[in-house]
Amino acid sequence: MCRQSIQSFQLIESHLISESHQKFGKRKTLLQFIYDSKNSEPVIGLQYIIEYNNTSLPNLLYECTLCDNIGNSQLMYSHIISFDHRFKLLVFLEIYSQVLMIVK
């Protein structure tokens, strides 16, 4: 697993093509799918995504803790740009903001 700390989204491109990253294998990460997609779809709710790296499996596994969805990087990319994920996040954030208003 690549353990490089990346400080900004702009540095992802240079890191992904770097020699230090390439030595960690050919398994495509979720960030690589996001970067490679050339899609204008918004990517939101990444704070709810957990990456599991088991070297005995051919692919990385991801879990969306907001939606209870599990899959490889390609499936998780499809999930995070889906209507269901976005809607659930917006509903959660609206409920959360209402709770904050009540607490204040």
N, C-alpha and C. Protein backbone atom coordinates (compact mmCIF):
# COMPACT_ATOMS: atom_id res chain seq x y z
N MET A 1 0.84 -1.17 0.00
CA MET A 1 0.00 0.00 0.00
C MET A 1 0.89 1.24 0.00
N CYS A 2 0.57 2.16 -0.82
CA CYS A 2 1.31 3.41 -0.88
C CYS A 2 0.94 4.25 0.34
N ARG A 3 1.93 4.68 1.07
CA ARG A 3 1.67 5.45 2.28
C ARG A 3 2.13 6.91 2.14
N GLN A 4 2.19 7.38 0.93
CA GLN A 4 2.61 8.75 0.66
C GLN A 4 1.55 9.73 1.13
N SER A 5 1.96 10.73 1.87
CA SER A 5 1.04 11.77 2.31
C SER A 5 0.95 12.82 1.21
N ILE A 6 -0.27 13.10 0.76
CA ILE A 6 -0.47 14.08 -0.31
C ILE A 6 -1.24 15.25 0.28
N GLN A 7 -0.66 16.44 0.17
CA GLN A 7 -1.20 17.61 0.84
C GLN A 7 -2.30 18.32 0.06
N SER A 8 -2.40 18.07 -1.24
CA SER A 8 -3.44 18.74 -2.02
C SER A 8 -3.85 17.87 -3.20
N PHE A 9 -5.05 18.14 -3.69
CA PHE A 9 -5.57 17.38 -4.82
C PHE A 9 -4.70 17.59 -6.07
N GLN A 10 -4.09 18.77 -6.20
CA GLN A 10 -3.26 19.06 -7.36
C GLN A 10 -2.00 18.18 -7.41
N LEU A 11 -1.54 17.72 -6.27
CA LEU A 11 -0.34 16.89 -6.23
C LEU A 11 -0.60 15.42 -6.54
N ILE A 12 -1.88 15.04 -6.61
CA ILE A 12 -2.21 13.63 -6.86
C ILE A 12 -1.66 13.17 -8.20
N GLU A 13 -1.83 13.99 -9.24
CA GLU A 13 -1.38 13.60 -10.58
C GLU A 13 0.11 13.26 -10.58
N SER A 14 0.93 14.14 -10.05
CA SER A 14 2.36 13.89 -10.08
C SER A 14 2.72 12.68 -9.23
N HIS A 15 2.01 12.47 -8.14
CA HIS A 15 2.30 11.30 -7.31
C HIS A 15 1.91 10.00 -8.02
N LEU A 16 0.73 9.97 -8.65
CA LEU A 16 0.26 8.75 -9.28
C LEU A 16 1.18 8.26 -10.39
N ILE A 17 1.86 9.17 -11.07
CA ILE A 17 2.76 8.75 -12.15
C ILE A 17 4.20 8.62 -11.68
N SER A 18 4.45 8.90 -10.42
CA SER A 18 5.81 8.83 -9.89
C SER A 18 6.30 7.39 -9.77
N GLU A 19 7.59 7.23 -9.82
CA GLU A 19 8.20 5.91 -9.68
C GLU A 19 7.92 5.32 -8.31
N SER A 20 7.92 6.17 -7.28
CA SER A 20 7.68 5.67 -5.92
C SER A 20 6.28 5.07 -5.77
N HIS A 21 5.31 5.64 -6.47
CA HIS A 21 3.95 5.10 -6.40
C HIS A 21 3.82 3.84 -7.25
N GLN A 22 4.44 3.82 -8.40
CA GLN A 22 4.30 2.70 -9.33
C GLN A 22 4.82 1.39 -8.74
N LYS A 23 5.77 1.47 -7.83
CA LYS A 23 6.33 0.23 -7.27
C LYS A 23 5.36 -0.48 -6.34
N PHE A 24 4.25 0.14 -6.02
CA PHE A 24 3.29 -0.48 -5.12
C PHE A 24 2.25 -1.34 -5.84
N GLY A 25 2.49 -1.63 -7.09
CA GLY A 25 1.62 -2.57 -7.78
C GLY A 25 0.68 -1.92 -8.76
N LYS A 26 -0.11 -2.75 -9.40
CA LYS A 26 -0.98 -2.30 -10.46
C LYS A 26 -2.43 -2.16 -10.02
N ARG A 27 -2.70 -2.35 -8.76
CA ARG A 27 -4.08 -2.21 -8.30
C ARG A 27 -4.49 -0.74 -8.35
N LYS A 28 -5.56 -0.47 -9.06
CA LYS A 28 -6.01 0.91 -9.26
C LYS A 28 -6.82 1.37 -8.04
N THR A 29 -6.43 2.50 -7.50
CA THR A 29 -7.10 3.03 -6.31
C THR A 29 -8.32 3.85 -6.70
N LEU A 30 -9.13 4.15 -5.71
CA LEU A 30 -10.30 4.99 -5.92
C LEU A 30 -9.86 6.38 -6.40
N LEU A 31 -8.80 6.92 -5.83
CA LEU A 31 -8.31 8.23 -6.26
C LEU A 31 -7.87 8.20 -7.72
N GLN A 32 -7.31 7.09 -8.17
CA GLN A 32 -6.93 6.98 -9.58
C GLN A 32 -8.17 6.97 -10.47
N PHE A 33 -9.22 6.28 -10.04
CA PHE A 33 -10.47 6.29 -10.82
C PHE A 33 -11.04 7.71 -10.88
N ILE A 34 -11.00 8.42 -9.77
CA ILE A 34 -11.52 9.79 -9.75
C ILE A 34 -10.71 10.66 -10.70
N TYR A 35 -9.40 10.56 -10.61
CA TYR A 35 -8.55 11.39 -11.45
C TYR A 35 -8.66 11.02 -12.93
N ASP A 36 -8.69 9.73 -13.24
CA ASP A 36 -8.72 9.25 -14.62
C ASP A 36 -10.08 9.42 -15.29
N SER A 37 -11.12 9.66 -14.51
CA SER A 37 -12.48 9.62 -15.06
C SER A 37 -12.75 10.70 -16.09
N LYS A 38 -12.14 11.85 -15.99
CA LYS A 38 -12.42 12.97 -16.89
C LYS A 38 -13.91 13.30 -16.88
N ASN A 39 -14.55 12.96 -15.79
CA ASN A 39 -15.98 13.14 -15.63
C ASN A 39 -16.23 14.43 -14.87
N SER A 40 -17.25 15.15 -15.25
CA SER A 40 -17.56 16.39 -14.55
C SER A 40 -18.51 16.15 -13.37
N GLU A 41 -18.83 14.89 -13.10
CA GLU A 41 -19.72 14.58 -11.99
C GLU A 41 -19.05 14.96 -10.67
N PRO A 42 -19.80 15.56 -9.75
CA PRO A 42 -19.21 15.91 -8.45
C PRO A 42 -18.88 14.67 -7.64
N VAL A 43 -17.78 14.74 -6.94
CA VAL A 43 -17.37 13.67 -6.05
C VAL A 43 -17.48 14.23 -4.63
N ILE A 44 -18.50 13.79 -3.92
CA ILE A 44 -18.75 14.30 -2.57
C ILE A 44 -18.86 13.14 -1.60
N GLY A 45 -18.64 13.45 -0.33
CA GLY A 45 -18.79 12.44 0.71
C GLY A 45 -17.62 11.49 0.85
N LEU A 46 -16.44 11.90 0.38
CA LEU A 46 -15.27 11.02 0.49
C LEU A 46 -14.86 10.77 1.94
N GLN A 47 -15.27 11.64 2.85
CA GLN A 47 -14.93 11.44 4.25
C GLN A 47 -15.60 10.20 4.83
N TYR A 48 -16.57 9.65 4.12
CA TYR A 48 -17.26 8.45 4.58
C TYR A 48 -16.73 7.17 3.92
N ILE A 49 -15.67 7.30 3.14
CA ILE A 49 -15.10 6.15 2.43
C ILE A 49 -13.89 5.63 3.18
N ILE A 50 -13.87 4.33 3.43
CA ILE A 50 -12.74 3.66 4.08
C ILE A 50 -12.11 2.71 3.07
N GLU A 51 -10.78 2.74 2.97
CA GLU A 51 -10.06 1.84 2.07
C GLU A 51 -9.48 0.69 2.89
N TYR A 52 -9.74 -0.54 2.41
CA TYR A 52 -9.17 -1.74 3.02
C TYR A 52 -8.16 -2.31 2.06
N ASN A 53 -6.94 -2.49 2.53
CA ASN A 53 -5.88 -3.01 1.67
C ASN A 53 -5.45 -4.37 2.18
N ASN A 54 -5.91 -5.40 1.52
CA ASN A 54 -5.53 -6.77 1.85
C ASN A 54 -4.70 -7.29 0.68
N THR A 55 -3.43 -7.51 0.90
CA THR A 55 -2.55 -7.90 -0.20
C THR A 55 -2.88 -9.27 -0.77
N SER A 56 -3.66 -10.06 -0.06
CA SER A 56 -4.04 -11.37 -0.59
C SER A 56 -5.20 -11.27 -1.59
N LEU A 57 -5.85 -10.12 -1.66
CA LEU A 57 -6.94 -9.91 -2.62
C LEU A 57 -6.40 -9.20 -3.86
N PRO A 58 -6.98 -9.48 -5.03
CA PRO A 58 -6.50 -8.84 -6.26
C PRO A 58 -6.84 -7.35 -6.35
N ASN A 59 -7.84 -6.90 -5.61
CA ASN A 59 -8.27 -5.49 -5.67
C ASN A 59 -8.38 -4.90 -4.27
N LEU A 60 -8.22 -3.59 -4.20
CA LEU A 60 -8.50 -2.89 -2.97
C LEU A 60 -10.01 -2.89 -2.74
N LEU A 61 -10.42 -2.90 -1.49
CA LEU A 61 -11.85 -2.83 -1.17
C LEU A 61 -12.13 -1.51 -0.47
N TYR A 62 -13.31 -0.98 -0.73
CA TYR A 62 -13.74 0.29 -0.14
C TYR A 62 -15.11 0.10 0.48
N GLU A 63 -15.34 0.87 1.54
CA GLU A 63 -16.64 0.86 2.19
C GLU A 63 -17.13 2.29 2.35
N CYS A 64 -18.35 2.52 1.94
CA CYS A 64 -19.00 3.80 2.19
C CYS A 64 -19.81 3.62 3.47
N THR A 65 -19.33 4.22 4.55
CA THR A 65 -20.00 4.05 5.84
C THR A 65 -21.33 4.80 5.91
N LEU A 66 -21.51 5.76 5.05
CA LEU A 66 -22.78 6.50 5.00
C LEU A 66 -23.89 5.63 4.41
N CYS A 67 -23.55 4.89 3.36
CA CYS A 67 -24.56 4.12 2.61
C CYS A 67 -24.48 2.61 2.84
N ASP A 68 -23.52 2.17 3.64
CA ASP A 68 -23.29 0.72 3.85
C ASP A 68 -23.06 0.00 2.53
N ASN A 69 -22.22 0.58 1.70
CA ASN A 69 -21.90 0.03 0.39
C ASN A 69 -20.44 -0.42 0.40
N ILE A 70 -20.17 -1.61 -0.13
CA ILE A 70 -18.80 -2.14 -0.19
C ILE A 70 -18.51 -2.57 -1.62
N GLY A 71 -17.29 -2.27 -2.09
CA GLY A 71 -16.91 -2.69 -3.44
C GLY A 71 -15.47 -2.34 -3.75
N ASN A 72 -15.03 -2.75 -4.93
CA ASN A 72 -13.68 -2.41 -5.37
C ASN A 72 -13.66 -0.94 -5.82
N SER A 73 -12.51 -0.48 -6.26
CA SER A 73 -12.38 0.95 -6.58
C SER A 73 -13.31 1.38 -7.71
N GLN A 74 -13.49 0.54 -8.71
CA GLN A 74 -14.38 0.90 -9.82
C GLN A 74 -15.84 0.99 -9.35
N LEU A 75 -16.26 0.01 -8.57
CA LEU A 75 -17.63 0.03 -8.05
C LEU A 75 -17.85 1.20 -7.10
N MET A 76 -16.83 1.49 -6.27
CA MET A 76 -16.99 2.60 -5.32
C MET A 76 -17.01 3.94 -6.04
N TYR A 77 -16.24 4.07 -7.12
CA TYR A 77 -16.31 5.30 -7.90
C TYR A 77 -17.73 5.48 -8.46
N SER A 78 -18.28 4.41 -9.03
CA SER A 78 -19.65 4.48 -9.55
C SER A 78 -20.63 4.84 -8.43
N HIS A 79 -20.38 4.31 -7.25
CA HIS A 79 -21.27 4.59 -6.12
C HIS A 79 -21.20 6.07 -5.71
N ILE A 80 -19.99 6.63 -5.58
CA ILE A 80 -19.89 8.00 -5.05
C ILE A 80 -20.38 9.07 -6.02
N ILE A 81 -20.51 8.71 -7.29
CA ILE A 81 -21.10 9.68 -8.23
C ILE A 81 -22.58 9.39 -8.49
N SER A 82 -23.11 8.40 -7.78
CA SER A 82 -24.51 8.02 -8.00
C SER A 82 -25.46 8.98 -7.29
N PHE A 83 -26.67 9.04 -7.80
CA PHE A 83 -27.73 9.85 -7.19
C PHE A 83 -27.98 9.40 -5.76
N ASP A 84 -28.04 8.09 -5.52
CA ASP A 84 -28.35 7.56 -4.19
C ASP A 84 -27.36 8.06 -3.14
N HIS A 85 -26.06 8.00 -3.46
CA HIS A 85 -25.03 8.45 -2.51
C HIS A 85 -25.15 9.95 -2.26
N ARG A 86 -25.29 10.72 -3.31
CA ARG A 86 -25.40 12.17 -3.16
C ARG A 86 -26.64 12.56 -2.35
N PHE A 87 -27.75 11.91 -2.66
CA PHE A 87 -28.99 12.22 -1.97
C PHE A 87 -28.88 11.88 -0.48
N LYS A 88 -28.33 10.71 -0.19
CA LYS A 88 -28.19 10.30 1.20
C LYS A 88 -27.28 11.27 1.96
N LEU A 89 -26.22 11.73 1.32
CA LEU A 89 -25.32 12.69 1.95
C LEU A 89 -26.03 14.01 2.22
N LEU A 90 -26.77 14.49 1.23
CA LEU A 90 -27.48 15.76 1.42
C LEU A 90 -28.55 15.66 2.51
N VAL A 91 -29.24 14.54 2.56
CA VAL A 91 -30.24 14.33 3.62
C VAL A 91 -29.54 14.30 4.98
N PHE A 92 -28.43 13.57 5.05
CA PHE A 92 -27.68 13.49 6.31
C PHE A 92 -27.20 14.86 6.75
N LEU A 93 -26.64 15.63 5.82
CA LEU A 93 -26.14 16.97 6.16
C LEU A 93 -27.26 17.90 6.59
N GLU A 94 -28.42 17.79 5.97
CA GLU A 94 -29.57 18.62 6.35
C GLU A 94 -30.04 18.26 7.76
N ILE A 95 -30.14 16.99 8.05
CA ILE A 95 -30.53 16.55 9.39
C ILE A 95 -29.50 17.01 10.42
N TYR A 96 -28.22 16.87 10.07
CA TYR A 96 -27.14 17.27 10.96
C TYR A 96 -27.21 18.77 11.25
N SER A 97 -27.45 19.57 10.23
CA SER A 97 -27.52 21.03 10.44
C SER A 97 -28.73 21.40 11.28
N GLN A 98 -29.84 20.68 11.14
CA GLN A 98 -31.02 20.95 11.95
C GLN A 98 -30.75 20.61 13.41
N VAL A 99 -30.04 19.52 13.64
CA VAL A 99 -29.68 19.14 15.01
C VAL A 99 -28.78 20.20 15.64
N LEU A 100 -27.83 20.71 14.86
CA LEU A 100 -26.94 21.76 15.37
C LEU A 100 -27.72 23.02 15.75
N MET A 101 -28.72 23.36 14.95
CA MET A 101 -29.53 24.54 15.25
C MET A 101 -30.31 24.34 16.56
N ILE A 102 -30.80 23.13 16.80
CA ILE A 102 -31.54 22.84 18.02
C ILE A 102 -30.62 22.89 19.23
N VAL A 103 -29.42 22.38 19.09
CA VAL A 103 -28.45 22.34 20.19
C VAL A 103 -28.01 23.74 20.59
N LYS A 104 -27.89 24.63 19.61
CA LYS A 104 -27.47 26.01 19.89
C LYS A 104 -28.54 26.69 20.65
